[in-house]
PDB file of N, CA and C in Angstrom:
ATOM      1  N   UNK A   1     -22.688  -3.790  -3.152  1.00  0.00           N
ATOM      2  CA  UNK A   1     -21.454  -2.909  -3.020  1.00  0.00           C
ATOM      3  C   UNK A   1     -20.453  -3.180  -4.247  1.00  0.00           C
ATOM      4  N   UNK A   2     -20.036  -2.348  -5.065  1.00  0.00           N
ATOM      5  CA  UNK A   2     -19.140  -2.364  -6.033  1.00  0.00           C
ATOM      6  C   UNK A   2     -17.772  -3.289  -5.339  1.00  0.00           C
ATOM      7  N   UNK A   3     -17.174  -3.423  -6.537  1.00  0.00           N
ATOM      8  CA  UNK A   3     -15.937  -3.892  -6.525  1.00  0.00           C
ATOM      9  C   UNK A   3     -15.117  -2.920  -5.654  1.00  0.00           C
ATOM     10  N   UNK A   4     -14.820  -2.360  -5.490  1.00  0.00           N
ATOM     11  CA  UNK A   4     -14.030  -1.385  -4.522  1.00  0.00           C
ATOM     12  C   UNK A   4     -14.664  -0.912  -3.088  1.00  0.00           C
ATOM     13  N   UNK A   5     -15.731  -1.326  -2.644  1.00  0.00           N
ATOM     14  CA  UNK A   5     -16.322  -1.478  -1.718  1.00  0.00           C
ATOM     15  C   UNK A   5     -15.725  -1.866  -0.420  1.00  0.00           C
ATOM     16  N   UNK A   6     -15.073  -3.476  -0.548  1.00  0.00           N
ATOM     17  CA  UNK A   6     -14.536  -4.029  -0.148  1.00  0.00           C
ATOM     18  C   UNK A   6     -13.185  -3.697   0.306  1.00  0.00           C
ATOM     19  N   UNK A   7     -12.507  -2.799  -0.354  1.00  0.00           N
ATOM     20  CA  UNK A   7     -11.204  -2.345   0.185  1.00  0.00           C
ATOM     21  C   UNK A   7     -10.540  -3.099  -0.562  1.00  0.00           C
ATOM     22  N   UNK A   8     -10.536  -3.603  -1.459  1.00  0.00           N
ATOM     23  CA  UNK A   8      -9.735  -4.671  -2.389  1.00  0.00           C
ATOM     24  C   UNK A   8      -8.702  -4.008  -3.906  1.00  0.00           C
ATOM     25  N   UNK A   9      -7.492  -4.335  -4.034  1.00  0.00           N
ATOM     26  CA  UNK A   9      -7.220  -3.288  -5.386  1.00  0.00           C
ATOM     27  C   UNK A   9      -7.979  -4.342  -6.668  1.00  0.00           C
ATOM     28  N   UNK A  10      -6.849  -4.049  -7.756  1.00  0.00           N
ATOM     29  CA  UNK A  10      -7.364  -5.051  -8.747  1.00  0.00           C
ATOM     30  C   UNK A  10      -7.127  -6.464  -8.738  1.00  0.00           C
ATOM     31  N   UNK A  11      -6.063  -6.592  -8.021  1.00  0.00           N
ATOM     32  CA  UNK A  11      -5.547  -7.698  -8.042  1.00  0.00           C
ATOM     33  C   UNK A  11      -6.647  -9.010  -6.879  1.00  0.00           C
ATOM     34  N   UNK A  12      -7.329  -8.125  -6.066  1.00  0.00           N
ATOM     35  CA  UNK A  12      -8.207  -9.293  -4.875  1.00  0.00           C
ATOM     36  C   UNK A  12      -7.158  -8.732  -3.783  1.00  0.00           C
ATOM     37  N   UNK A  13      -5.948  -8.144  -3.599  1.00  0.00           N
ATOM     38  CA  UNK A  13      -4.736  -8.195  -2.837  1.00  0.00           C
ATOM     39  C   UNK A  13      -5.896  -7.177  -1.319  1.00  0.00           C
ATOM     40  N   UNK A  14      -5.741  -7.448   0.094  1.00  0.00           N
ATOM     41  CA  UNK A  14      -5.893  -6.561   0.742  1.00  0.00           C
ATOM     42  C   UNK A  14      -5.045  -5.389   1.103  1.00  0.00           C
ATOM     43  N   UNK A  15      -5.337  -4.501   1.721  1.00  0.00           N
ATOM     44  CA  UNK A  15      -4.181  -3.360   1.512  1.00  0.00           C
ATOM     45  C   UNK A  15      -3.532  -3.209   3.124  1.00  0.00           C
ATOM     46  N   UNK A  16      -2.247  -2.857   2.829  1.00  0.00           N
ATOM     47  CA  UNK A  16      -1.415  -2.781   4.157  1.00  0.00           C
ATOM     48  C   UNK A  16      -2.128  -2.408   5.460  1.00  0.00           C
ATOM     49  N   UNK A  17      -2.662  -1.419   4.216  1.00  0.00           N
ATOM     50  CA  UNK A  17      -3.030   0.016   5.908  1.00  0.00           C
ATOM     51  C   UNK A  17      -4.175   0.922   4.842  1.00  0.00           C
ATOM     52  N   UNK A  18      -4.645   1.423   5.470  1.00  0.00           N
ATOM     53  CA  UNK A  18      -5.818   2.208   5.288  1.00  0.00           C
ATOM     54  C   UNK A  18      -5.935   3.580   5.884  1.00  0.00           C
ATOM     55  N   UNK A  19      -5.100   4.896   5.169  1.00  0.00           N
ATOM     56  CA  UNK A  19      -4.863   5.329   6.042  1.00  0.00           C
ATOM     57  C   UNK A  19      -7.051   6.561   6.080  1.00  0.00           C
ATOM     58  N   UNK A  20      -7.089   7.446   7.328  1.00  0.00           N
ATOM     59  CA  UNK A  20      -8.317   7.858   7.032  1.00  0.00           C
ATOM     60  C   UNK A  20      -8.546   9.617   7.144  1.00  0.00           C
ATOM     61  N   UNK A  21      -9.328  10.554   6.663  1.00  0.00           N
ATOM     62  CA  UNK A  21      -9.779  11.789   7.061  1.00  0.00           C
ATOM     63  C   UNK A  21     -11.178  11.537   7.243  1.00  0.00           C
ATOM     64  N   UNK A  22     -12.205  11.568   7.602  1.00  0.00           N
ATOM     65  CA  UNK A  22     -12.976  11.854   7.738  1.00  0.00           C
ATOM     66  C   UNK A  22     -14.087  10.472   6.295  1.00  0.00           C
ATOM     67  N   UNK A  23     -14.682  11.016   5.732  1.00  0.00           N
ATOM     68  CA  UNK A  23     -15.099  10.312   4.366  1.00  0.00           C
ATOM     69  C   UNK A  23     -13.673   9.959   3.415  1.00  0.00           C
ATOM     70  N   UNK A  24     -12.519  10.693   3.642  1.00  0.00           N
ATOM     71  CA  UNK A  24     -11.386  10.295   2.687  1.00  0.00           C
ATOM     72  C   UNK A  24     -10.730   8.674   3.466  1.00  0.00           C
ATOM     73  N   UNK A  25     -10.193   8.542   2.351  1.00  0.00           N
ATOM     74  CA  UNK A  25      -9.435   7.489   2.864  1.00  0.00           C
ATOM     75  C   UNK A  25      -8.320   7.080   1.536  1.00  0.00           C
ATOM     76  N   UNK A  26      -7.562   6.636   2.148  1.00  0.00           N
ATOM     77  CA  UNK A  26      -5.911   6.405   0.666  1.00  0.00           C
ATOM     78  C   UNK A  26      -5.589   4.770   1.247  1.00  0.00           C
ATOM     79  N   UNK A  27      -5.731   3.503   0.738  1.00  0.00           N
ATOM     80  CA  UNK A  27      -5.662   2.628   0.730  1.00  0.00           C
ATOM     81  C   UNK A  27      -3.683   2.589   0.145  1.00  0.00           C
ATOM     82  N   UNK A  28      -3.128   1.408   1.265  1.00  0.00           N
ATOM     83  CA  UNK A  28      -1.561   1.355   0.687  1.00  0.00           C
ATOM     84  C   UNK A  28      -1.968  -0.068   0.461  1.00  0.00           C
ATOM     85  N   UNK A  29      -1.061  -0.670  -0.663  1.00  0.00           N
ATOM     86  CA  UNK A  29      -1.146  -1.961  -0.981  1.00  0.00           C
ATOM     87  C   UNK A  29       0.340  -2.319  -1.742  1.00  0.00           C
ATOM     88  N   UNK A  30       0.995  -3.695  -1.470  1.00  0.00           N
ATOM     89  CA  UNK A  30       1.844  -3.587  -1.635  1.00  0.00           C
ATOM     90  C   UNK A  30       1.493  -5.291  -2.919  1.00  0.00           C
ATOM     91  N   UNK A  31       2.094  -4.799  -3.762  1.00  0.00           N
ATOM     92  CA  UNK A  31       1.951  -5.222  -4.914  1.00  0.00           C
ATOM     93  C   UNK A  31       3.440  -6.214  -5.201  1.00  0.00           C
ATOM     94  N   UNK A  32       3.801  -7.916  -6.467  1.00  0.00           N
ATOM     95  CA  UNK A  32       4.903  -7.957  -6.792  1.00  0.00           C
ATOM     96  C   UNK A  32       5.407  -8.337  -8.356  1.00  0.00           C
ATOM     97  N   UNK A  33       6.131  -7.590  -8.728  1.00  0.00           N
ATOM     98  CA  UNK A  33       6.493  -8.029  -9.399  1.00  0.00           C
ATOM     99  C   UNK A  33       7.786  -8.840 -10.155  1.00  0.00           C
ATOM    100  N   UNK A  34       8.538  -8.833 -11.235  1.00  0.00           N
ATOM    101  CA  UNK A  34       9.300 -10.130 -11.177  1.00  0.00           C
ATOM    102  C   UNK A  34      10.953  -8.833 -10.434  1.00  0.00           C
ATOM    103  N   UNK A  35      10.671  -7.440 -10.582  1.00  0.00           N
ATOM    104  CA  UNK A  35      11.910  -6.954  -9.641  1.00  0.00           C
ATOM    105  C   UNK A  35      11.698  -6.639  -8.114  1.00  0.00           C
ATOM    106  N   UNK A  36      10.523  -7.570  -7.950  1.00  0.00           N
ATOM    107  CA  UNK A  36      10.105  -7.298  -6.355  1.00  0.00           C
ATOM    108  C   UNK A  36       9.032  -6.756  -6.052  1.00  0.00           C
ATOM    109  N   UNK A  37       9.130  -6.442  -4.887  1.00  0.00           N
ATOM    110  CA  UNK A  37       7.819  -5.316  -4.366  1.00  0.00           C
ATOM    111  C   UNK A  37       8.014  -3.989  -4.843  1.00  0.00           C
ATOM    112  N   UNK A  38       6.690  -3.744  -5.163  1.00  0.00           N
ATOM    113  CA  UNK A  38       6.240  -1.606  -5.623  1.00  0.00           C
ATOM    114  C   UNK A  38       4.668  -1.464  -4.564  1.00  0.00           C
ATOM    115  N   UNK A  39       4.273  -0.579  -4.741  1.00  0.00           N
ATOM    116  CA  UNK A  39       3.521   0.084  -4.027  1.00  0.00           C
ATOM    117  C   UNK A  39       2.759   0.905  -4.736  1.00  0.00           C
ATOM    118  N   UNK A  40       1.592   1.256  -3.940  1.00  0.00           N
ATOM    119  CA  UNK A  40       0.245   1.931  -4.673  1.00  0.00           C
ATOM    120  C   UNK A  40      -0.442   1.824  -3.686  1.00  0.00           C
ATOM    121  N   UNK A  41      -1.126   3.188  -4.136  1.00  0.00           N
ATOM    122  CA  UNK A  41      -1.674   4.212  -3.437  1.00  0.00           C
ATOM    123  C   UNK A  41      -3.049   3.877  -4.300  1.00  0.00           C
ATOM    124  N   UNK A  42      -4.016   3.713  -3.391  1.00  0.00           N
ATOM    125  CA  UNK A  42      -5.647   4.325  -3.840  1.00  0.00           C
ATOM    126  C   UNK A  42      -6.646   4.819  -3.167  1.00  0.00           C
ATOM    127  N   UNK A  43      -6.606   5.857  -3.635  1.00  0.00           N
ATOM    128  CA  UNK A  43      -7.280   7.287  -2.842  1.00  0.00           C
ATOM    129  C   UNK A  43      -8.876   7.116  -3.242  1.00  0.00           C
ATOM    130  N   UNK A  44     -10.052   7.475  -2.088  1.00  0.00           N
ATOM    131  CA  UNK A  44     -11.408   7.275  -2.579  1.00  0.00           C
ATOM    132  C   UNK A  44     -11.856   8.265  -1.405  1.00  0.00           C
ATOM    133  N   UNK A  45     -12.950   8.546  -1.749  1.00  0.00           N
ATOM    134  CA  UNK A  45     -14.075   9.149  -1.161  1.00  0.00           C
ATOM    135  C   UNK A  45     -15.409   8.444  -0.692  1.00  0.00           C
ATOM    136  N   UNK A  46     -15.772   7.724   0.771  1.00  0.00           N
ATOM    137  CA  UNK A  46     -17.027   7.147   0.949  1.00  0.00           C
ATOM    138  C   UNK A  46     -17.870   7.847   0.987  1.00  0.00           C
ATOM    139  N   UNK A  47     -18.800   7.301   0.443  1.00  0.00           N
ATOM    140  CA  UNK A  47     -20.753   8.107   0.455  1.00  0.00           C
ATOM    141  C   UNK A  47     -21.357   6.854   0.838  1.00  0.00           C
ATOM    142  N   UNK A  48     -22.668   7.251   1.459  1.00  0.00           N
ATOM    143  CA  UNK A  48     -23.900   6.339   1.061  1.00  0.00           C
ATOM    144  C   UNK A  48     -24.745   6.428   0.214  1.00  0.00           C
ATOM    145  N   UNK A  49     -25.054   5.907  -1.087  1.00  0.00           N
ATOM    146  CA  UNK A  49     -26.310   6.286  -1.701  1.00  0.00           C
ATOM    147  C   UNK A  49     -27.018   6.372  -1.465  1.00  0.00           C
ATOM    148  N   UNK A  50     -27.812   7.766  -1.528  1.00  0.00           N
ATOM    149  CA  UNK A  50     -29.007   7.831  -1.123  1.00  0.00           C
ATOM    150  C   UNK A  50     -30.174   7.245  -1.108  1.00  0.00           C
ATOM    151  N   UNK A  51     -30.659   6.544  -2.840  1.00  0.00           N
ATOM    152  CA  UNK A  51     -31.550   5.945  -2.933  1.00  0.00           C
ATOM    153  C   UNK A  51     -31.536   4.398  -2.362  1.00  0.00           C
ATOM    154  N   UNK A  52     -30.526   3.837  -2.389  1.00  0.00           N
ATOM    155  CA  UNK A  52     -30.273   2.400  -2.390  1.00  0.00           C
ATOM    156  C   UNK A  52     -29.419   2.546  -0.466  1.00  0.00           C
ATOM    157  N   UNK A  53     -28.886   3.358  -0.174  1.00  0.00           N
ATOM    158  CA  UNK A  53     -28.504   3.293   0.942  1.00  0.00           C
ATOM    159  C   UNK A  53     -27.295   2.119   1.198  1.00  0.00           C
ATOM    160  N   UNK A  54     -26.785   2.294  -0.171  1.00  0.00           N
ATOM    161  CA  UNK A  54     -25.553   1.059   0.130  1.00  0.00           C
ATOM    162  C   UNK A  54     -24.049   2.618  -0.052  1.00  0.00           C
ATOM    163  N   UNK A  55     -23.211   1.252   0.868  1.00  0.00           N
ATOM    164  CA  UNK A  55     -21.712   2.614   1.203  1.00  0.00           C
ATOM    165  C   UNK A  55     -21.189   2.202  -0.486  1.00  0.00           C
ATOM    166  N   UNK A  56     -20.891   3.743  -0.744  1.00  0.00           N
ATOM    167  CA  UNK A  56     -19.981   3.462  -2.049  1.00  0.00           C
ATOM    168  C   UNK A  56     -19.071   4.163  -1.730  1.00  0.00           C
ATOM    169  N   UNK A  57     -17.748   3.884  -2.919  1.00  0.00           N
ATOM    170  CA  UNK A  57     -16.805   4.874  -3.295  1.00  0.00           C
ATOM    171  C   UNK A  57     -16.892   5.647  -4.565  1.00  0.00           C
ATOM    172  N   UNK A  58     -16.348   6.955  -4.136  1.00  0.00           N
ATOM    173  CA  UNK A  58     -16.189   7.356  -5.254  1.00  0.00           C
ATOM    174  C   UNK A  58     -14.704   8.595  -5.541  1.00  0.00           C
ATOM    175  N   UNK A  59     -14.640   8.956  -6.512  1.00  0.00           N
ATOM    176  CA  UNK A  59     -13.329   9.394  -6.313  1.00  0.00           C
ATOM    177  C   UNK A  59     -13.115  10.744  -6.899  1.00  0.00           C
ATOM    178  N   UNK A  60     -14.016  11.494  -7.114  1.00  0.00           N
ATOM    179  CA  UNK A  60     -14.375  13.100  -7.143  1.00  0.00           C
ATOM    180  C   UNK A  60     -14.213  13.336  -5.599  1.00  0.00           C
ATOM    181  N   UNK A  61     -13.714  14.981  -5.838  1.00  0.00           N
ATOM    182  CA  UNK A  61     -13.005  15.362  -4.226  1.00  0.00           C
ATOM    183  C   UNK A  61     -14.131  16.972  -4.689  1.00  0.00           C
ATOM    184  N   UNK A  62     -14.645  17.358  -3.397  1.00  0.00           N
ATOM    185  CA  UNK A  62     -14.925  18.731  -3.875  1.00  0.00           C
ATOM    186  C   UNK A  62     -14.564  19.678  -2.298  1.00  0.00           C
ATOM    187  N   UNK A  63     -14.531  21.479  -2.562  1.00  0.00           N
ATOM    188  CA  UNK A  63     -14.740  21.816  -1.400  1.00  0.00           C
ATOM    189  C   UNK A  63     -13.189  21.697  -0.852  1.00  0.00           C
ATOM    190  N   UNK A  64     -12.871  21.325   0.378  1.00  0.00           N
ATOM    191  CA  UNK A  64     -11.881  21.596   1.168  1.00  0.00           C
ATOM    192  C   UNK A  64     -11.476  20.109   0.668  1.00  0.00           C
ATOM    193  N   UNK A  65     -11.970  19.426   0.416  1.00  0.00           N
ATOM    194  CA  UNK A  65     -11.142  17.865   0.498  1.00  0.00           C
ATOM    195  C   UNK A  65      -9.821  17.447  -0.610  1.00  0.00           C
ATOM    196  N   UNK A  66     -10.130  18.580  -1.904  1.00  0.00           N
ATOM    197  CA  UNK A  66      -8.294  17.900  -2.102  1.00  0.00           C
ATOM    198  C   UNK A  66      -6.907  18.571  -1.569  1.00  0.00           C
ATOM    199  N   UNK A  67      -7.762  19.163  -0.518  1.00  0.00           N
ATOM    200  CA  UNK A  67      -5.966  19.352   0.034  1.00  0.00           C
ATOM    201  C   UNK A  67      -5.960  18.127   1.428  1.00  0.00           C
ATOM    202  N   UNK A  68      -7.097  17.611   1.763  1.00  0.00           N
ATOM    203  CA  UNK A  68      -7.068  17.005   2.869  1.00  0.00           C
ATOM    204  C   UNK A  68      -6.465  15.601   2.022  1.00  0.00           C
ATOM    205  N   UNK A  69      -7.047  15.505   0.879  1.00  0.00           N
ATOM    206  CA  UNK A  69      -6.796  13.950   0.305  1.00  0.00           C
ATOM    207  C   UNK A  69      -5.012  14.231   0.057  1.00  0.00           C
ATOM    208  N   UNK A  70      -4.800  15.357  -0.340  1.00  0.00           N
ATOM    209  CA  UNK A  70      -3.166  15.631  -0.360  1.00  0.00           C
ATOM    210  C   UNK A  70      -2.141  15.308   0.817  1.00  0.00           C
ATOM    211  N   UNK A  71      -2.869  15.644   1.985  1.00  0.00           N
ATOM    212  CA  UNK A  71      -1.872  14.941   3.404  1.00  0.00           C
ATOM    213  C   UNK A  71      -1.921  13.924   2.880  1.00  0.00           C
ATOM    214  N   UNK A  72      -3.409  13.402   3.055  1.00  0.00           N
ATOM    215  CA  UNK A  72      -3.422  11.457   2.990  1.00  0.00           C
ATOM    216  C   UNK A  72      -2.379  11.285   2.144  1.00  0.00           C
ATOM    217  N   UNK A  73      -2.248  11.520   0.621  1.00  0.00           N
ATOM    218  CA  UNK A  73      -1.608  10.582  -0.355  1.00  0.00           C
ATOM    219  C   UNK A  73       0.352  11.077   0.564  1.00  0.00           C
ATOM    220  N   UNK A  74       0.285  12.084   0.778  1.00  0.00           N
ATOM    221  CA  UNK A  74       1.256  12.497   1.771  1.00  0.00           C
ATOM    222  C   UNK A  74       2.005  11.762   2.478  1.00  0.00           C
ATOM    223  N   UNK A  75       1.039  11.559   3.248  1.00  0.00           N
ATOM    224  CA  UNK A  75       1.353  10.072   4.684  1.00  0.00           C
ATOM    225  C   UNK A  75       1.139   8.599   3.997  1.00  0.00           C
ATOM    226  N   UNK A  76       0.868   8.736   3.122  1.00  0.00           N
ATOM    227  CA  UNK A  76       0.796   7.312   2.347  1.00  0.00           C
ATOM    228  C   UNK A  76       1.363   7.094   1.809  1.00  0.00           C
ATOM    229  N   UNK A  77       2.592   8.283   1.240  1.00  0.00           N
ATOM    230  CA  UNK A  77       3.918   8.303   0.265  1.00  0.00           C
ATOM    231  C   UNK A  77       5.237   8.007   1.831  1.00  0.00           C
ATOM    232  N   UNK A  78       4.851   8.738   2.996  1.00  0.00           N
ATOM    233  CA  UNK A  78       6.156   8.257   3.848  1.00  0.00           C
ATOM    234  C   UNK A  78       5.651   6.925   4.304  1.00  0.00           C
ATOM    235  N   UNK A  79       4.784   6.223   4.601  1.00  0.00           N
ATOM    236  CA  UNK A  79       4.382   5.252   4.958  1.00  0.00           C
ATOM    237  C   UNK A  79       4.961   4.221   3.884  1.00  0.00           C
ATOM    238  N   UNK A  80       4.795   4.497   3.031  1.00  0.00           N
ATOM    239  CA  UNK A  80       5.327   3.721   1.748  1.00  0.00           C
ATOM    240  C   UNK A  80       6.887   3.585   1.716  1.00  0.00           C
ATOM    241  N   UNK A  81       7.101   4.622   2.295  1.00  0.00           N
ATOM    242  CA  UNK A  81       8.901   4.948   2.709  1.00  0.00           C
ATOM    243  C   UNK A  81       9.272   3.948   3.838  1.00  0.00           C
ATOM    244  N   UNK A  82       8.588   3.708   4.714  1.00  0.00           N
ATOM    245  CA  UNK A  82       8.754   2.793   5.765  1.00  0.00           C
ATOM    246  C   UNK A  82       8.283   1.002   5.013  1.00  0.00           C
ATOM    247  N   UNK A  83       7.576   1.048   3.907  1.00  0.00           N
ATOM    248  CA  UNK A  83       7.541  -0.363   4.133  1.00  0.00           C
ATOM    249  C   UNK A  83       8.723  -0.600   3.300  1.00  0.00           C
ATOM    250  N   UNK A  84       9.363   0.339   1.944  1.00  0.00           N
ATOM    251  CA  UNK A  84      10.535  -0.382   1.126  1.00  0.00           C
ATOM    252  C   UNK A  84      11.316  -0.673   1.928  1.00  0.00           C
ATOM    253  N   UNK A  85      12.151   0.227   3.223  1.00  0.00           N
ATOM    254  CA  UNK A  85      12.685   0.089   4.344  1.00  0.00           C
ATOM    255  C   UNK A  85      13.286  -1.056   5.104  1.00  0.00           C
ATOM    256  N   UNK A  86      11.601  -1.820   5.513  1.00  0.00           N
ATOM    257  CA  UNK A  86      11.372  -3.165   5.711  1.00  0.00           C
ATOM    258  C   UNK A  86      11.828  -4.078   4.932  1.00  0.00           C
ATOM    259  N   UNK A  87      11.191  -3.696   3.678  1.00  0.00           N
ATOM    260  CA  UNK A  87      11.809  -4.835   2.398  1.00  0.00           C
ATOM    261  C   UNK A  87      13.275  -4.982   2.416  1.00  0.00           C
ATOM    262  N   UNK A  88      13.969  -3.691   2.442  1.00  0.00           N
ATOM    263  CA  UNK A  88      15.599  -3.957   2.549  1.00  0.00           C
ATOM    264  C   UNK A  88      15.972  -4.593   3.320  1.00  0.00           C
ATOM    265  N   UNK A  89      15.343  -4.668   4.786  1.00  0.00           N
ATOM    266  CA  UNK A  89      16.364  -4.816   6.326  1.00  0.00           C
ATOM    267  C   UNK A  89      16.046  -6.524   6.111  1.00  0.00           C
ATOM    268  N   UNK A  90      14.682  -7.108   5.078  1.00  0.00           N
ATOM    269  CA  UNK A  90      14.241  -8.548   5.366  1.00  0.00           C
ATOM    270  C   UNK A  90      15.058  -9.357   4.141  1.00  0.00           C
ATOM    271  N   UNK A  91      15.935  -8.589   3.032  1.00  0.00           N
ATOM    272  CA  UNK A  91      16.294  -8.339   2.176  1.00  0.00           C
ATOM    273  C   UNK A  91      18.153  -8.794   2.417  1.00  0.00           C
ATOM    274  N   UNK A  92      18.001  -7.750   3.531  1.00  0.00           N
ATOM    275  CA  UNK A  92      19.510  -8.223   3.938  1.00  0.00           C
ATOM    276  C   UNK A  92      19.666  -9.668   5.160  1.00  0.00           C
ATOM    277  N   UNK A  93      18.606  -9.467   6.100  1.00  0.00           N
ATOM    278  CA  UNK A  93      18.612 -10.552   7.126  1.00  0.00           C
ATOM    279  C   UNK A  93      18.383 -11.998   5.898  1.00  0.00           C
ATOM    280  N   UNK A  94      17.795 -11.657   4.784  1.00  0.00           N
ATOM    281  CA  UNK A  94      17.877 -13.222   4.210  1.00  0.00           C
ATOM    282  C   UNK A  94      19.128 -13.842   3.375  1.00  0.00           C
ATOM    283  N   UNK A  95      19.845 -12.328   2.940  1.00  0.00           N
ATOM    284  CA  UNK A  95      21.004 -12.877   2.335  1.00  0.00           C
ATOM    285  C   UNK A  95      22.635 -13.108   3.131  1.00  0.00           C
ATOM    286  N   UNK A  96      23.192 -14.238   2.918  1.00  0.00           N
ATOM    287  CA  UNK A  96      23.867 -15.047   3.424  1.00  0.00           C
ATOM    288  C   UNK A  96      24.963 -13.533   3.368  1.00  0.00           C
ATOM    289  N   UNK A  97      25.626 -13.890   4.857  1.00  0.00           N
ATOM    290  CA  UNK A  97      27.151 -12.583   4.506  1.00  0.00           C
ATOM    291  C   UNK A  97      27.784 -13.014   3.831  1.00  0.00           C
ATOM    292  N   UNK A  98      28.965 -12.102   3.379  1.00  0.00           N
ATOM    293  CA  UNK A  98      29.842 -12.587   2.492  1.00  0.00           C
ATOM    294  C   UNK A  98      30.804 -13.926   3.267  1.00  0.00           C
ATOM    295  N   UNK A  99      31.279 -13.530   4.135  1.00  0.00           N
ATOM    296  CA  UNK A  99      32.074 -14.138   5.264  1.00  0.00           C
ATOM    297  C   UNK A  99      31.498 -16.012   4.827  1.00  0.00           C
ATOM    298  N   UNK A 100      29.828 -15.655   5.628  1.00  0.00           N
ATOM    299  CA  UNK A 100      29.221 -17.034   5.118  1.00  0.00           C
ATOM    300  C   UNK A 100      29.601 -17.839   4.272  1.00  0.00           C
ATOM    301  N   UNK A 101      29.217 -16.771   3.009  1.00  0.00           N
ATOM    302  CA  UNK A 101      29.294 -17.652   1.636  1.00  0.00           C
ATOM    303  C   UNK A 101      30.852 -17.845   1.542  1.00  0.00           C
ATOM    304  N   UNK A 102      31.902 -16.916   2.088  1.00  0.00           N
ATOM    305  CA  UNK A 102      33.563 -17.601   1.559  1.00  0.00           C
ATOM    306  C   UNK A 102      33.513 -18.651   2.248  1.00  0.00           C
ATOM    307  N   UNK A 103      33.451 -18.752   3.914  1.00  0.00           N
ATOM    308  CA  UNK A 103      33.509 -20.057   4.179  1.00  0.00           C
ATOM    309  C   UNK A 103      32.752 -21.378   3.268  1.00  0.00           C
ATOM    310  N   UNK A 104      31.580 -21.285   3.109  1.00  0.00           N
ATOM    311  CA  UNK A 104      30.573 -22.153   2.193  1.00  0.00           C
ATOM    312  C   UNK A 104      31.539 -22.797   1.147  1.00  0.00           C
ATOM    313  N   UNK A 105      32.030 -21.628   0.160  1.00  0.00           N
ATOM    314  CA  UNK A 105      32.878 -21.795  -1.012  1.00  0.00           C
ATOM    315  C   UNK A 105      34.126 -22.611  -1.027  1.00  0.00           C
ATOM    316  N   UNK A 106      34.860 -22.310   0.273  1.00  0.00           N
ATOM    317  CA  UNK A 106      36.210 -22.876   0.885  1.00  0.00           C
ATOM    318  C   UNK A 106      36.026 -24.338   1.437  1.00  0.00           C
ATOM    319  N   UNK A 107      34.478 -24.668   1.876  1.00  0.00           N
ATOM    320  CA  UNK A 107      34.262 -26.096   2.616  1.00  0.00           C
ATOM    321  C   UNK A 107      34.054 -27.081   1.030  1.00  0.00           C
ATOM    322  N   UNK A 108      33.275 -26.048   0.000  1.00  0.00           N
ATOM    323  CA  UNK A 108      33.352 -26.905  -1.416  1.00  0.00           C
ATOM    324  C   UNK A 108      34.417 -27.267  -1.951  1.00  0.00           C
ATOM    325  N   UNK A 109      35.825 -26.501  -1.792  1.00  0.00           N
ATOM    326  CA  UNK A 109      36.727 -27.281  -2.749  1.00  0.00           C
ATOM    327  C   UNK A 109      37.359 -28.397  -1.605  1.00  0.00           C
TER     328      UNK A 109
END
């Protein structure tokens, strides 16, 4: 198997989820930077090499595959929106409220 066959990204992290349509797939990855989380989509087409019988992944598409991939990418984009909303909600929950910060500041005085 080549590096991409195990469904890992460039940094070796596992996808949050993988959307599929037959041999086509789009994996969604969460990555982190100084600015916070960001998300990437990794499209591919799975096939079996006739000579070696190994499962491989390609990026080329033919026939109706580009239309199917466009649909998968759209779904992936929508799922990323869901993950971003989860990130915002988690950040809100982790952030102390203004009232509790004000009370803490008054106690310190």
